[in-house]
PDB file of N, CA and C in Angstrom:
ATOM      1  N   UNK A   1       1.015  -1.374   0.076  1.00  0.00           N
ATOM      2  CA  UNK A   1      -0.077   0.143  -0.019  1.00  0.00           C
ATOM      3  C   UNK A   1       0.775   1.267   0.067  1.00  0.00           C
ATOM      4  N   UNK A   2       0.482   2.071  -0.716  1.00  0.00           N
ATOM      5  CA  UNK A   2       1.210   3.122  -1.328  1.00  0.00           C
ATOM      6  C   UNK A   2       0.507   4.470  -0.214  1.00  0.00           C
ATOM      7  N   UNK A   3       1.558   5.049   0.736  1.00  0.00           N
ATOM      8  CA  UNK A   3       0.847   6.059   1.624  1.00  0.00           C
ATOM      9  C   UNK A   3       1.814   7.437   1.289  1.00  0.00           C
ATOM     10  N   UNK A   4       1.306   8.646   1.715  1.00  0.00           N
ATOM     11  CA  UNK A   4       2.190  10.013   1.658  1.00  0.00           C
ATOM     12  C   UNK A   4       1.183  10.843   2.604  1.00  0.00           C
ATOM     13  N   UNK A   5       1.982  12.109   2.636  1.00  0.00           N
ATOM     14  CA  UNK A   5       1.115  12.931   3.311  1.00  0.00           C
ATOM     15  C   UNK A   5       0.779  14.239   2.568  1.00  0.00           C
ATOM     16  N   UNK A   6      -0.243  14.813   2.806  1.00  0.00           N
ATOM     17  CA  UNK A   6      -0.973  15.843   2.134  1.00  0.00           C
ATOM     18  C   UNK A   6       0.225  17.141   2.440  1.00  0.00           C
ATOM     19  N   UNK A   7       0.373  17.985   1.484  1.00  0.00           N
ATOM     20  CA  UNK A   7       1.279  19.021   1.847  1.00  0.00           C
ATOM     21  C   UNK A   7       0.374  20.098   2.226  1.00  0.00           C
ATOM     22  N   UNK A   8      -1.045  20.266   1.899  1.00  0.00           N
ATOM     23  CA  UNK A   8      -1.644  21.276   2.296  1.00  0.00           C
ATOM     24  C   UNK A   8      -2.415  20.964   3.905  1.00  0.00           C
ATOM     25  N   UNK A   9      -2.811  19.838   4.082  1.00  0.00           N
ATOM     26  CA  UNK A   9      -3.405  19.614   5.592  1.00  0.00           C
ATOM     27  C   UNK A   9      -2.641  18.858   6.718  1.00  0.00           C
ATOM     28  N   UNK A  10      -1.649  17.990   5.932  1.00  0.00           N
ATOM     29  CA  UNK A  10      -0.824  17.174   6.582  1.00  0.00           C
ATOM     30  C   UNK A  10      -1.792  15.600   6.749  1.00  0.00           C
ATOM     31  N   UNK A  11      -2.843  15.531   6.041  1.00  0.00           N
ATOM     32  CA  UNK A  11      -3.388  14.191   6.174  1.00  0.00           C
ATOM     33  C   UNK A  11      -2.829  13.286   5.451  1.00  0.00           C
ATOM     34  N   UNK A  12      -2.642  11.819   6.064  1.00  0.00           N
ATOM     35  CA  UNK A  12      -2.496  10.676   5.434  1.00  0.00           C
ATOM     36  C   UNK A  12      -3.014  10.296   4.214  1.00  0.00           C
ATOM     37  N   UNK A  13      -2.315  10.381   3.157  1.00  0.00           N
ATOM     38  CA  UNK A  13      -3.196   9.575   1.910  1.00  0.00           C
ATOM     39  C   UNK A  13      -2.858   8.355   1.639  1.00  0.00           C
ATOM     40  N   UNK A  14      -3.757   7.601   1.070  1.00  0.00           N
ATOM     41  CA  UNK A  14      -3.384   6.116   0.622  1.00  0.00           C
ATOM     42  C   UNK A  14      -3.482   6.372  -0.903  1.00  0.00           C
ATOM     43  N   UNK A  15      -2.624   5.745  -1.470  1.00  0.00           N
ATOM     44  CA  UNK A  15      -2.984   5.545  -2.957  1.00  0.00           C
ATOM     45  C   UNK A  15      -2.953   4.417  -3.632  1.00  0.00           C
ATOM     46  N   UNK A  16      -3.779   4.052  -4.493  1.00  0.00           N
ATOM     47  CA  UNK A  16      -4.026   2.785  -5.024  1.00  0.00           C
ATOM     48  C   UNK A  16      -2.361   2.256  -5.672  1.00  0.00           C
ATOM     49  N   UNK A  17      -2.162   0.756  -5.640  1.00  0.00           N
ATOM     50  CA  UNK A  17      -1.019   0.587  -6.125  1.00  0.00           C
ATOM     51  C   UNK A  17      -1.167   0.753  -7.955  1.00  0.00           C
ATOM     52  N   UNK A  18      -2.004   0.864  -8.475  1.00  0.00           N
ATOM     53  CA  UNK A  18      -1.559   1.300  -9.859  1.00  0.00           C
ATOM     54  C   UNK A  18      -1.804   2.746  -9.982  1.00  0.00           C
ATOM     55  N   UNK A  19      -1.337   3.552  -9.216  1.00  0.00           N
ATOM     56  CA  UNK A  19      -1.240   5.060  -9.326  1.00  0.00           C
ATOM     57  C   UNK A  19      -0.109   5.243  -9.849  1.00  0.00           C
ATOM     58  N   UNK A  20      -0.131   6.247 -10.914  1.00  0.00           N
ATOM     59  CA  UNK A  20       1.005   6.712 -11.584  1.00  0.00           C
ATOM     60  C   UNK A  20       1.672   8.041 -11.469  1.00  0.00           C
ATOM     61  N   UNK A  21       3.052   8.279 -12.006  1.00  0.00           N
ATOM     62  CA  UNK A  21       3.393   9.520 -11.865  1.00  0.00           C
ATOM     63  C   UNK A  21       2.524  10.342 -12.541  1.00  0.00           C
ATOM     64  N   UNK A  22       2.548  11.555 -12.470  1.00  0.00           N
ATOM     65  CA  UNK A  22       1.768  12.939 -12.790  1.00  0.00           C
ATOM     66  C   UNK A  22       0.180  12.721 -12.858  1.00  0.00           C
ATOM     67  N   UNK A  23      -0.442  11.636 -12.153  1.00  0.00           N
ATOM     68  CA  UNK A  23      -1.484  11.280 -11.919  1.00  0.00           C
ATOM     69  C   UNK A  23      -2.170  12.526 -10.839  1.00  0.00           C
ATOM     70  N   UNK A  24      -3.509  12.912 -11.256  1.00  0.00           N
ATOM     71  CA  UNK A  24      -3.551  14.042 -10.093  1.00  0.00           C
ATOM     72  C   UNK A  24      -4.612  13.199  -9.119  1.00  0.00           C
ATOM     73  N   UNK A  25      -4.814  13.109  -8.021  1.00  0.00           N
ATOM     74  CA  UNK A  25      -5.328  12.856  -6.942  1.00  0.00           C
ATOM     75  C   UNK A  25      -6.174  13.655  -6.074  1.00  0.00           C
ATOM     76  N   UNK A  26      -7.078  13.377  -5.234  1.00  0.00           N
ATOM     77  CA  UNK A  26      -7.755  14.750  -4.391  1.00  0.00           C
ATOM     78  C   UNK A  26      -7.555  14.209  -2.884  1.00  0.00           C
ATOM     79  N   UNK A  27      -7.128  15.217  -2.271  1.00  0.00           N
ATOM     80  CA  UNK A  27      -6.815  14.737  -0.794  1.00  0.00           C
ATOM     81  C   UNK A  27      -8.399  14.449  -0.081  1.00  0.00           C
ATOM     82  N   UNK A  28      -8.678  13.342   0.611  1.00  0.00           N
ATOM     83  CA  UNK A  28     -10.009  13.237   1.041  1.00  0.00           C
ATOM     84  C   UNK A  28     -10.387  14.109   2.160  1.00  0.00           C
ATOM     85  N   UNK A  29      -9.258  14.784   2.715  1.00  0.00           N
ATOM     86  CA  UNK A  29      -9.702  15.374   4.018  1.00  0.00           C
ATOM     87  C   UNK A  29      -9.704  17.077   3.467  1.00  0.00           C
ATOM     88  N   UNK A  30      -8.972  17.661   2.847  1.00  0.00           N
ATOM     89  CA  UNK A  30      -9.166  19.085   2.378  1.00  0.00           C
ATOM     90  C   UNK A  30      -9.611  19.298   1.349  1.00  0.00           C
ATOM     91  N   UNK A  31      -9.505  18.069   0.122  1.00  0.00           N
ATOM     92  CA  UNK A  31     -10.029  18.488  -1.179  1.00  0.00           C
ATOM     93  C   UNK A  31      -9.276  19.074  -2.012  1.00  0.00           C
ATOM     94  N   UNK A  32      -8.015  19.347  -1.889  1.00  0.00           N
ATOM     95  CA  UNK A  32      -7.124  20.071  -2.768  1.00  0.00           C
ATOM     96  C   UNK A  32      -6.802  18.564  -3.453  1.00  0.00           C
ATOM     97  N   UNK A  33      -6.336  19.645  -5.137  1.00  0.00           N
ATOM     98  CA  UNK A  33      -6.149  18.797  -6.139  1.00  0.00           C
ATOM     99  C   UNK A  33      -4.451  18.344  -5.925  1.00  0.00           C
ATOM    100  N   UNK A  34      -3.856  17.283  -6.055  1.00  0.00           N
ATOM    101  CA  UNK A  34      -2.555  17.097  -6.091  1.00  0.00           C
ATOM    102  C   UNK A  34      -2.000  16.274  -6.964  1.00  0.00           C
ATOM    103  N   UNK A  35      -0.778  16.262  -7.613  1.00  0.00           N
ATOM    104  CA  UNK A  35      -0.086  15.784  -8.640  1.00  0.00           C
ATOM    105  C   UNK A  35       1.013  14.733  -7.892  1.00  0.00           C
ATOM    106  N   UNK A  36       0.720  13.497  -8.320  1.00  0.00           N
ATOM    107  CA  UNK A  36       2.015  12.635  -7.800  1.00  0.00           C
ATOM    108  C   UNK A  36       3.184  12.740  -8.794  1.00  0.00           C
ATOM    109  N   UNK A  37       4.228  13.035  -7.762  1.00  0.00           N
ATOM    110  CA  UNK A  37       5.562  13.594  -8.707  1.00  0.00           C
ATOM    111  C   UNK A  37       6.570  12.172  -8.371  1.00  0.00           C
ATOM    112  N   UNK A  38       6.329  11.416  -7.494  1.00  0.00           N
ATOM    113  CA  UNK A  38       7.324  10.278  -7.474  1.00  0.00           C
ATOM    114  C   UNK A  38       6.496   9.032  -6.632  1.00  0.00           C
ATOM    115  N   UNK A  39       6.949   7.875  -6.952  1.00  0.00           N
ATOM    116  CA  UNK A  39       6.378   6.861  -6.608  1.00  0.00           C
ATOM    117  C   UNK A  39       7.262   6.224  -5.376  1.00  0.00           C
ATOM    118  N   UNK A  40       8.784   6.283  -5.584  1.00  0.00           N
ATOM    119  CA  UNK A  40       9.595   5.697  -4.555  1.00  0.00           C
ATOM    120  C   UNK A  40      10.761   6.848  -4.195  1.00  0.00           C
ATOM    121  N   UNK A  41      10.510   7.415  -3.132  1.00  0.00           N
ATOM    122  CA  UNK A  41       9.445   7.271  -2.179  1.00  0.00           C
ATOM    123  C   UNK A  41       8.028   7.901  -2.956  1.00  0.00           C
ATOM    124  N   UNK A  42       6.865   7.915  -2.232  1.00  0.00           N
ATOM    125  CA  UNK A  42       5.678   8.556  -2.807  1.00  0.00           C
ATOM    126  C   UNK A  42       5.669  10.013  -2.464  1.00  0.00           C
ATOM    127  N   UNK A  43       5.678  10.913  -3.387  1.00  0.00           N
ATOM    128  CA  UNK A  43       5.603  12.343  -3.012  1.00  0.00           C
ATOM    129  C   UNK A  43       4.678  12.758  -3.919  1.00  0.00           C
ATOM    130  N   UNK A  44       3.728  14.048  -3.472  1.00  0.00           N
ATOM    131  CA  UNK A  44       3.018  14.769  -4.079  1.00  0.00           C
ATOM    132  C   UNK A  44       2.994  16.295  -3.668  1.00  0.00           C
ATOM    133  N   UNK A  45       2.516  16.939  -4.795  1.00  0.00           N
ATOM    134  CA  UNK A  45       2.482  18.108  -4.640  1.00  0.00           C
ATOM    135  C   UNK A  45       1.372  19.110  -5.296  1.00  0.00           C
ATOM    136  N   UNK A  46       1.037  20.162  -4.718  1.00  0.00           N
ATOM    137  CA  UNK A  46      -0.285  20.918  -5.276  1.00  0.00           C
ATOM    138  C   UNK A  46      -0.271  20.792  -6.682  1.00  0.00           C
ATOM    139  N   UNK A  47      -1.363  20.392  -7.131  1.00  0.00           N
ATOM    140  CA  UNK A  47      -1.433  20.382  -8.978  1.00  0.00           C
ATOM    141  C   UNK A  47      -1.454  21.635  -9.539  1.00  0.00           C
ATOM    142  N   UNK A  48      -1.184  21.960 -10.422  1.00  0.00           N
ATOM    143  CA  UNK A  48      -1.034  23.038 -11.124  1.00  0.00           C
ATOM    144  C   UNK A  48      -2.312  23.696 -11.545  1.00  0.00           C
ATOM    145  N   UNK A  49      -2.531  24.818 -11.284  1.00  0.00           N
ATOM    146  CA  UNK A  49      -4.160  25.180 -11.685  1.00  0.00           C
ATOM    147  C   UNK A  49      -4.258  25.300 -13.338  1.00  0.00           C
ATOM    148  N   UNK A  50      -5.120  25.143 -14.025  1.00  0.00           N
ATOM    149  CA  UNK A  50      -5.380  25.204 -15.283  1.00  0.00           C
ATOM    150  C   UNK A  50      -5.905  26.506 -15.645  1.00  0.00           C
ATOM    151  N   UNK A  51      -5.152  27.128 -16.764  1.00  0.00           N
ATOM    152  CA  UNK A  51      -5.617  28.488 -16.977  1.00  0.00           C
ATOM    153  C   UNK A  51      -6.748  28.673 -18.017  1.00  0.00           C
ATOM    154  N   UNK A  52      -7.580  29.348 -17.623  1.00  0.00           N
ATOM    155  CA  UNK A  52      -8.934  29.679 -18.731  1.00  0.00           C
ATOM    156  C   UNK A  52      -8.196  30.241 -19.980  1.00  0.00           C
ATOM    157  N   UNK A  53      -8.232  29.838 -21.133  1.00  0.00           N
ATOM    158  CA  UNK A  53      -7.891  30.524 -22.319  1.00  0.00           C
ATOM    159  C   UNK A  53      -8.725  31.312 -23.048  1.00  0.00           C
ATOM    160  N   UNK A  54     -10.186  31.266 -22.858  1.00  0.00           N
ATOM    161  CA  UNK A  54     -10.998  32.400 -23.064  1.00  0.00           C
ATOM    162  C   UNK A  54     -11.487  32.436 -24.507  1.00  0.00           C
ATOM    163  N   UNK A  55     -11.094  31.321 -25.258  1.00  0.00           N
ATOM    164  CA  UNK A  55     -11.506  31.297 -26.643  1.00  0.00           C
ATOM    165  C   UNK A  55      -9.905  31.950 -27.468  1.00  0.00           C
ATOM    166  N   UNK A  56      -9.030  32.245 -27.024  1.00  0.00           N
ATOM    167  CA  UNK A  56      -7.884  32.840 -27.482  1.00  0.00           C
ATOM    168  C   UNK A  56      -7.026  32.066 -28.611  1.00  0.00           C
TER     169      UNK A  56
END
């Protein structure tokens, strides 16, 4: 089982075994989007915010 700590609220997050690098997950405690940056050891960071292009 893969576990890590949310950088936003310090909650323990359990990831599924098939989780991949660059996958976006959601912290079940605070709801923030996190990007998986490494699997050995498991690390996550706040996911980049998508910018609106407003049709440009």
